[in-house]
N, C-alpha and C. Protein backbone atom coordinates (compact mmCIF):
# COMPACT_ATOMS: atom_id res chain seq x y z
N MET A 1 -5.65 -10.83 -10.42
CA MET A 1 -4.51 -10.75 -9.53
C MET A 1 -4.29 -9.30 -9.14
N ILE A 2 -3.90 -9.09 -7.89
CA ILE A 2 -3.50 -7.76 -7.42
C ILE A 2 -1.99 -7.65 -7.58
N ILE A 3 -1.57 -6.54 -8.16
CA ILE A 3 -0.14 -6.26 -8.31
C ILE A 3 0.18 -5.06 -7.42
N GLY A 4 1.13 -5.22 -6.53
CA GLY A 4 1.57 -4.14 -5.66
C GLY A 4 2.99 -3.72 -6.02
N THR A 5 3.18 -2.43 -6.24
CA THR A 5 4.49 -1.91 -6.58
C THR A 5 4.87 -0.84 -5.56
N PHE A 6 5.99 -1.04 -4.91
CA PHE A 6 6.52 -0.08 -3.94
C PHE A 6 7.74 0.57 -4.55
N LYS A 7 7.79 1.90 -4.49
CA LYS A 7 8.92 2.63 -5.05
C LYS A 7 9.74 3.21 -3.89
N ARG A 8 11.05 2.94 -3.93
CA ARG A 8 11.97 3.47 -2.92
C ARG A 8 12.89 4.51 -3.57
N ASN A 9 13.31 5.49 -2.75
CA ASN A 9 14.29 6.45 -3.26
C ASN A 9 15.69 5.88 -3.05
N ASP A 10 16.70 6.65 -3.41
CA ASP A 10 18.08 6.17 -3.33
C ASP A 10 18.53 5.83 -1.91
N SER A 11 17.88 6.44 -0.91
CA SER A 11 18.25 6.14 0.47
C SER A 11 17.45 4.98 1.06
N GLY A 12 16.60 4.36 0.24
CA GLY A 12 15.87 3.18 0.67
C GLY A 12 14.50 3.45 1.25
N ARG A 13 14.09 4.71 1.33
CA ARG A 13 12.77 5.04 1.87
C ARG A 13 11.69 4.79 0.82
N ILE A 14 10.56 4.26 1.27
CA ILE A 14 9.41 4.08 0.39
C ILE A 14 8.81 5.47 0.15
N ILE A 15 8.67 5.83 -1.13
CA ILE A 15 8.13 7.15 -1.46
C ILE A 15 6.74 7.06 -2.11
N SER A 16 6.37 5.86 -2.57
CA SER A 16 5.03 5.67 -3.13
C SER A 16 4.73 4.18 -3.22
N PHE A 17 3.45 3.89 -3.34
CA PHE A 17 3.06 2.52 -3.67
C PHE A 17 1.80 2.56 -4.52
N GLU A 18 1.63 1.49 -5.29
CA GLU A 18 0.48 1.36 -6.17
C GLU A 18 -0.05 -0.06 -6.05
N LEU A 19 -1.35 -0.19 -5.93
CA LEU A 19 -2.02 -1.48 -5.92
C LEU A 19 -3.02 -1.47 -7.07
N THR A 20 -2.91 -2.47 -7.96
CA THR A 20 -3.81 -2.53 -9.11
C THR A 20 -4.39 -3.94 -9.24
N GLY A 21 -5.58 -4.00 -9.79
CA GLY A 21 -6.20 -5.28 -10.10
C GLY A 21 -7.13 -5.77 -9.00
N HIS A 22 -7.68 -6.93 -9.26
CA HIS A 22 -8.59 -7.59 -8.33
C HIS A 22 -8.08 -9.00 -8.06
N ALA A 23 -8.16 -9.42 -6.82
CA ALA A 23 -7.64 -10.75 -6.45
C ALA A 23 -8.46 -11.87 -7.09
N GLN A 24 -9.76 -11.74 -7.07
CA GLN A 24 -10.68 -12.77 -7.58
C GLN A 24 -10.40 -14.13 -6.96
N SER A 25 -10.15 -14.10 -5.63
CA SER A 25 -9.91 -15.36 -4.92
C SER A 25 -11.20 -15.93 -4.34
N GLY A 26 -12.28 -15.21 -4.50
CA GLY A 26 -13.58 -15.64 -4.00
C GLY A 26 -14.64 -14.77 -4.60
N GLU A 27 -15.89 -15.11 -4.33
CA GLU A 27 -16.98 -14.31 -4.87
C GLU A 27 -16.99 -12.92 -4.24
N TYR A 28 -17.60 -11.97 -4.96
CA TYR A 28 -17.65 -10.59 -4.50
C TYR A 28 -18.24 -10.54 -3.09
N GLY A 29 -17.57 -9.82 -2.23
CA GLY A 29 -18.01 -9.70 -0.84
C GLY A 29 -17.44 -10.77 0.07
N LYS A 30 -16.80 -11.79 -0.52
CA LYS A 30 -16.23 -12.88 0.27
C LYS A 30 -14.80 -13.17 -0.15
N ASP A 31 -14.17 -12.20 -0.81
CA ASP A 31 -12.81 -12.35 -1.31
C ASP A 31 -11.84 -11.99 -0.19
N LEU A 32 -11.27 -12.99 0.46
CA LEU A 32 -10.39 -12.76 1.61
C LEU A 32 -9.12 -12.00 1.25
N VAL A 33 -8.55 -12.28 0.10
CA VAL A 33 -7.32 -11.61 -0.31
C VAL A 33 -7.60 -10.13 -0.55
N CYS A 34 -8.67 -9.83 -1.25
CA CYS A 34 -9.06 -8.44 -1.49
C CYS A 34 -9.30 -7.71 -0.17
N ALA A 35 -10.00 -8.37 0.73
CA ALA A 35 -10.30 -7.75 2.03
C ALA A 35 -9.02 -7.48 2.81
N ALA A 36 -8.10 -8.42 2.81
CA ALA A 36 -6.85 -8.25 3.54
C ALA A 36 -6.02 -7.11 2.96
N VAL A 37 -5.87 -7.10 1.63
CA VAL A 37 -5.07 -6.06 0.97
C VAL A 37 -5.72 -4.69 1.20
N SER A 38 -7.02 -4.62 1.05
CA SER A 38 -7.73 -3.35 1.24
C SER A 38 -7.60 -2.84 2.67
N ALA A 39 -7.79 -3.72 3.64
CA ALA A 39 -7.70 -3.31 5.04
C ALA A 39 -6.29 -2.83 5.39
N LEU A 40 -5.28 -3.54 4.93
CA LEU A 40 -3.90 -3.13 5.21
C LEU A 40 -3.59 -1.78 4.57
N ALA A 41 -3.98 -1.61 3.31
CA ALA A 41 -3.65 -0.37 2.59
C ALA A 41 -4.39 0.84 3.17
N ILE A 42 -5.68 0.70 3.42
CA ILE A 42 -6.46 1.82 3.94
C ILE A 42 -6.01 2.17 5.36
N SER A 43 -5.70 1.16 6.15
CA SER A 43 -5.18 1.42 7.50
C SER A 43 -3.87 2.20 7.45
N CYS A 44 -3.01 1.83 6.52
CA CYS A 44 -1.73 2.53 6.36
C CYS A 44 -1.96 3.99 5.97
N VAL A 45 -2.80 4.23 4.99
CA VAL A 45 -3.08 5.59 4.53
C VAL A 45 -3.70 6.42 5.65
N ASN A 46 -4.64 5.83 6.37
CA ASN A 46 -5.26 6.55 7.49
C ASN A 46 -4.23 6.86 8.58
N GLY A 47 -3.30 5.94 8.83
CA GLY A 47 -2.24 6.17 9.80
C GLY A 47 -1.29 7.27 9.38
N ILE A 48 -0.95 7.32 8.11
CA ILE A 48 -0.08 8.38 7.60
C ILE A 48 -0.72 9.74 7.87
N ASP A 49 -2.01 9.83 7.63
CA ASP A 49 -2.73 11.08 7.86
C ASP A 49 -2.86 11.38 9.36
N ALA A 50 -3.37 10.42 10.13
CA ALA A 50 -3.69 10.67 11.53
C ALA A 50 -2.47 10.68 12.45
N LEU A 51 -1.53 9.77 12.24
CA LEU A 51 -0.40 9.65 13.16
C LEU A 51 0.80 10.50 12.76
N ALA A 52 1.03 10.62 11.45
CA ALA A 52 2.17 11.41 10.99
C ALA A 52 1.77 12.84 10.65
N GLY A 53 0.47 13.07 10.48
CA GLY A 53 0.03 14.40 10.09
C GLY A 53 0.42 14.77 8.68
N VAL A 54 0.55 13.76 7.83
CA VAL A 54 0.95 13.96 6.44
C VAL A 54 -0.24 13.65 5.55
N LYS A 55 -0.52 14.53 4.62
CA LYS A 55 -1.58 14.30 3.64
C LYS A 55 -0.95 13.75 2.36
N PRO A 56 -1.00 12.44 2.16
CA PRO A 56 -0.39 11.87 0.96
C PRO A 56 -1.20 12.23 -0.29
N ILE A 57 -0.54 12.18 -1.42
CA ILE A 57 -1.20 12.32 -2.71
C ILE A 57 -1.88 10.98 -2.97
N ILE A 58 -3.18 11.01 -3.22
CA ILE A 58 -3.94 9.77 -3.39
C ILE A 58 -4.67 9.80 -4.73
N ASP A 59 -4.55 8.70 -5.45
CA ASP A 59 -5.33 8.48 -6.66
C ASP A 59 -5.96 7.10 -6.51
N ALA A 60 -7.27 7.04 -6.64
CA ALA A 60 -7.96 5.77 -6.46
C ALA A 60 -9.16 5.69 -7.38
N ASN A 61 -9.53 4.48 -7.74
CA ASN A 61 -10.76 4.25 -8.48
C ASN A 61 -11.85 4.03 -7.45
N GLU A 62 -12.59 5.07 -7.14
CA GLU A 62 -13.61 5.03 -6.10
C GLU A 62 -14.82 4.19 -6.50
N GLU A 63 -15.10 4.10 -7.78
CA GLU A 63 -16.31 3.41 -8.23
C GLU A 63 -16.13 1.91 -8.37
N GLU A 64 -15.07 1.48 -9.06
CA GLU A 64 -14.88 0.07 -9.33
C GLU A 64 -13.81 -0.57 -8.47
N GLY A 65 -13.06 0.23 -7.72
CA GLY A 65 -11.97 -0.32 -6.94
C GLY A 65 -10.87 -0.82 -7.86
N GLY A 66 -9.95 -1.57 -7.31
CA GLY A 66 -8.91 -2.16 -8.14
C GLY A 66 -7.75 -1.24 -8.45
N TYR A 67 -7.75 -0.02 -7.88
CA TYR A 67 -6.63 0.88 -8.12
C TYR A 67 -6.45 1.82 -6.93
N LEU A 68 -5.23 1.86 -6.41
CA LEU A 68 -4.87 2.80 -5.35
C LEU A 68 -3.42 3.18 -5.54
N TYR A 69 -3.17 4.48 -5.63
CA TYR A 69 -1.82 5.01 -5.73
C TYR A 69 -1.63 6.03 -4.63
N ILE A 70 -0.54 5.89 -3.88
CA ILE A 70 -0.21 6.80 -2.79
C ILE A 70 1.21 7.29 -2.99
N GLU A 71 1.38 8.59 -2.90
CA GLU A 71 2.71 9.19 -2.98
C GLU A 71 2.88 10.16 -1.81
N LEU A 72 4.04 10.12 -1.20
CA LEU A 72 4.30 11.01 -0.07
C LEU A 72 4.80 12.36 -0.57
N PRO A 73 4.34 13.44 0.06
CA PRO A 73 4.87 14.76 -0.30
C PRO A 73 6.32 14.87 0.15
N GLU A 74 7.06 15.74 -0.48
CA GLU A 74 8.48 15.87 -0.17
C GLU A 74 8.77 16.83 0.98
N ASP A 75 7.76 17.53 1.48
CA ASP A 75 7.99 18.56 2.49
C ASP A 75 7.73 18.10 3.93
N SER A 76 7.91 16.82 4.22
CA SER A 76 7.67 16.29 5.56
C SER A 76 8.87 16.55 6.46
N THR A 77 8.58 16.67 7.76
CA THR A 77 9.65 16.78 8.74
C THR A 77 10.30 15.42 8.94
N GLN A 78 11.43 15.40 9.64
CA GLN A 78 12.10 14.12 9.91
C GLN A 78 11.22 13.19 10.73
N GLU A 79 10.51 13.74 11.72
CA GLU A 79 9.61 12.92 12.54
C GLU A 79 8.47 12.35 11.69
N GLN A 80 7.89 13.17 10.82
CA GLN A 80 6.84 12.67 9.94
C GLN A 80 7.36 11.59 9.01
N THR A 81 8.56 11.79 8.49
CA THR A 81 9.18 10.79 7.61
C THR A 81 9.39 9.48 8.36
N ASN A 82 9.87 9.55 9.59
CA ASN A 82 10.09 8.34 10.38
C ASN A 82 8.78 7.58 10.60
N ILE A 83 7.73 8.30 10.94
CA ILE A 83 6.43 7.66 11.19
C ILE A 83 5.89 7.04 9.90
N THR A 84 5.93 7.80 8.80
CA THR A 84 5.40 7.26 7.54
C THR A 84 6.19 6.03 7.10
N GLN A 85 7.50 6.02 7.32
CA GLN A 85 8.30 4.86 6.91
C GLN A 85 7.94 3.63 7.72
N ILE A 86 7.71 3.79 9.01
CA ILE A 86 7.29 2.66 9.84
C ILE A 86 5.96 2.10 9.32
N LEU A 87 5.03 2.98 9.04
CA LEU A 87 3.72 2.54 8.54
C LEU A 87 3.82 1.87 7.18
N LEU A 88 4.61 2.43 6.29
CA LEU A 88 4.76 1.84 4.95
C LEU A 88 5.51 0.51 4.97
N GLU A 89 6.54 0.42 5.80
CA GLU A 89 7.26 -0.86 5.91
C GLU A 89 6.35 -1.91 6.53
N ASN A 90 5.52 -1.51 7.48
CA ASN A 90 4.56 -2.43 8.08
C ASN A 90 3.53 -2.90 7.05
N LEU A 91 3.08 -1.98 6.20
CA LEU A 91 2.18 -2.36 5.11
C LEU A 91 2.84 -3.40 4.22
N LEU A 92 4.07 -3.14 3.83
CA LEU A 92 4.79 -4.08 2.96
C LEU A 92 4.93 -5.45 3.63
N LEU A 93 5.26 -5.46 4.91
CA LEU A 93 5.37 -6.74 5.64
C LEU A 93 4.03 -7.49 5.66
N GLY A 94 2.96 -6.75 5.93
CA GLY A 94 1.63 -7.37 5.95
C GLY A 94 1.26 -7.95 4.59
N LEU A 95 1.53 -7.20 3.54
CA LEU A 95 1.22 -7.69 2.20
C LEU A 95 2.09 -8.88 1.82
N GLN A 96 3.35 -8.88 2.26
CA GLN A 96 4.22 -10.03 2.01
C GLN A 96 3.69 -11.28 2.70
N ALA A 97 3.11 -11.12 3.88
CA ALA A 97 2.51 -12.26 4.58
C ALA A 97 1.31 -12.80 3.81
N VAL A 98 0.49 -11.89 3.27
CA VAL A 98 -0.64 -12.32 2.44
C VAL A 98 -0.13 -13.02 1.19
N GLN A 99 0.90 -12.46 0.57
CA GLN A 99 1.47 -13.07 -0.64
C GLN A 99 2.02 -14.47 -0.35
N ALA A 100 2.65 -14.65 0.79
CA ALA A 100 3.21 -15.96 1.14
C ALA A 100 2.12 -17.02 1.22
N GLU A 101 0.94 -16.63 1.63
CA GLU A 101 -0.17 -17.56 1.79
C GLU A 101 -1.00 -17.69 0.51
N TYR A 102 -1.14 -16.58 -0.23
CA TYR A 102 -2.03 -16.53 -1.39
C TYR A 102 -1.32 -15.94 -2.61
N GLY A 103 -0.15 -16.46 -2.91
CA GLY A 103 0.70 -15.91 -3.96
C GLY A 103 0.11 -15.88 -5.35
N LYS A 104 -0.86 -16.73 -5.62
CA LYS A 104 -1.42 -16.71 -6.97
C LYS A 104 -2.43 -15.57 -7.15
N TYR A 105 -2.73 -14.85 -6.06
CA TYR A 105 -3.67 -13.74 -6.13
C TYR A 105 -3.02 -12.38 -5.87
N LEU A 106 -1.77 -12.38 -5.40
CA LEU A 106 -1.08 -11.13 -5.05
C LEU A 106 0.39 -11.23 -5.43
N GLN A 107 0.86 -10.26 -6.19
CA GLN A 107 2.27 -10.19 -6.58
C GLN A 107 2.80 -8.83 -6.15
N LEU A 108 3.96 -8.83 -5.48
CA LEU A 108 4.57 -7.59 -5.00
C LEU A 108 5.93 -7.40 -5.64
N LYS A 109 6.26 -6.14 -5.88
CA LYS A 109 7.61 -5.82 -6.35
C LYS A 109 8.02 -4.48 -5.77
N THR A 110 9.31 -4.31 -5.63
CA THR A 110 9.88 -3.06 -5.13
C THR A 110 10.87 -2.56 -6.16
N ILE A 111 10.76 -1.28 -6.49
CA ILE A 111 11.68 -0.68 -7.44
C ILE A 111 12.36 0.51 -6.77
N THR A 112 13.55 0.83 -7.26
CA THR A 112 14.28 1.98 -6.74
C THR A 112 14.25 3.07 -7.79
N LYS A 113 13.86 4.25 -7.34
CA LYS A 113 13.73 5.41 -8.25
C LYS A 113 15.08 5.83 -8.78
């Protein structure tokens, strides 16, 4: 199962997210849940970099997969913060849609710092 944890600050902004585990909803290379989660997460991270001009703190298991942690730096401008929040909220919405369809392979939670 993939576990997704989104952390919000006191003002409700997403400041980090973590994805851990493997969906195991299909054989390797044909796991639709894994592909969906990976595509959504990587697209979000690439958008934060390319569209907001923000270099997030990234920790990932490059060899085996199954782990991605992203944290936003605190020195972003208001415009960068607005763009990153749109991208992160869109990621959360996309993952919630996957969870609604494939809930036994993906669990999401949101915590407040």
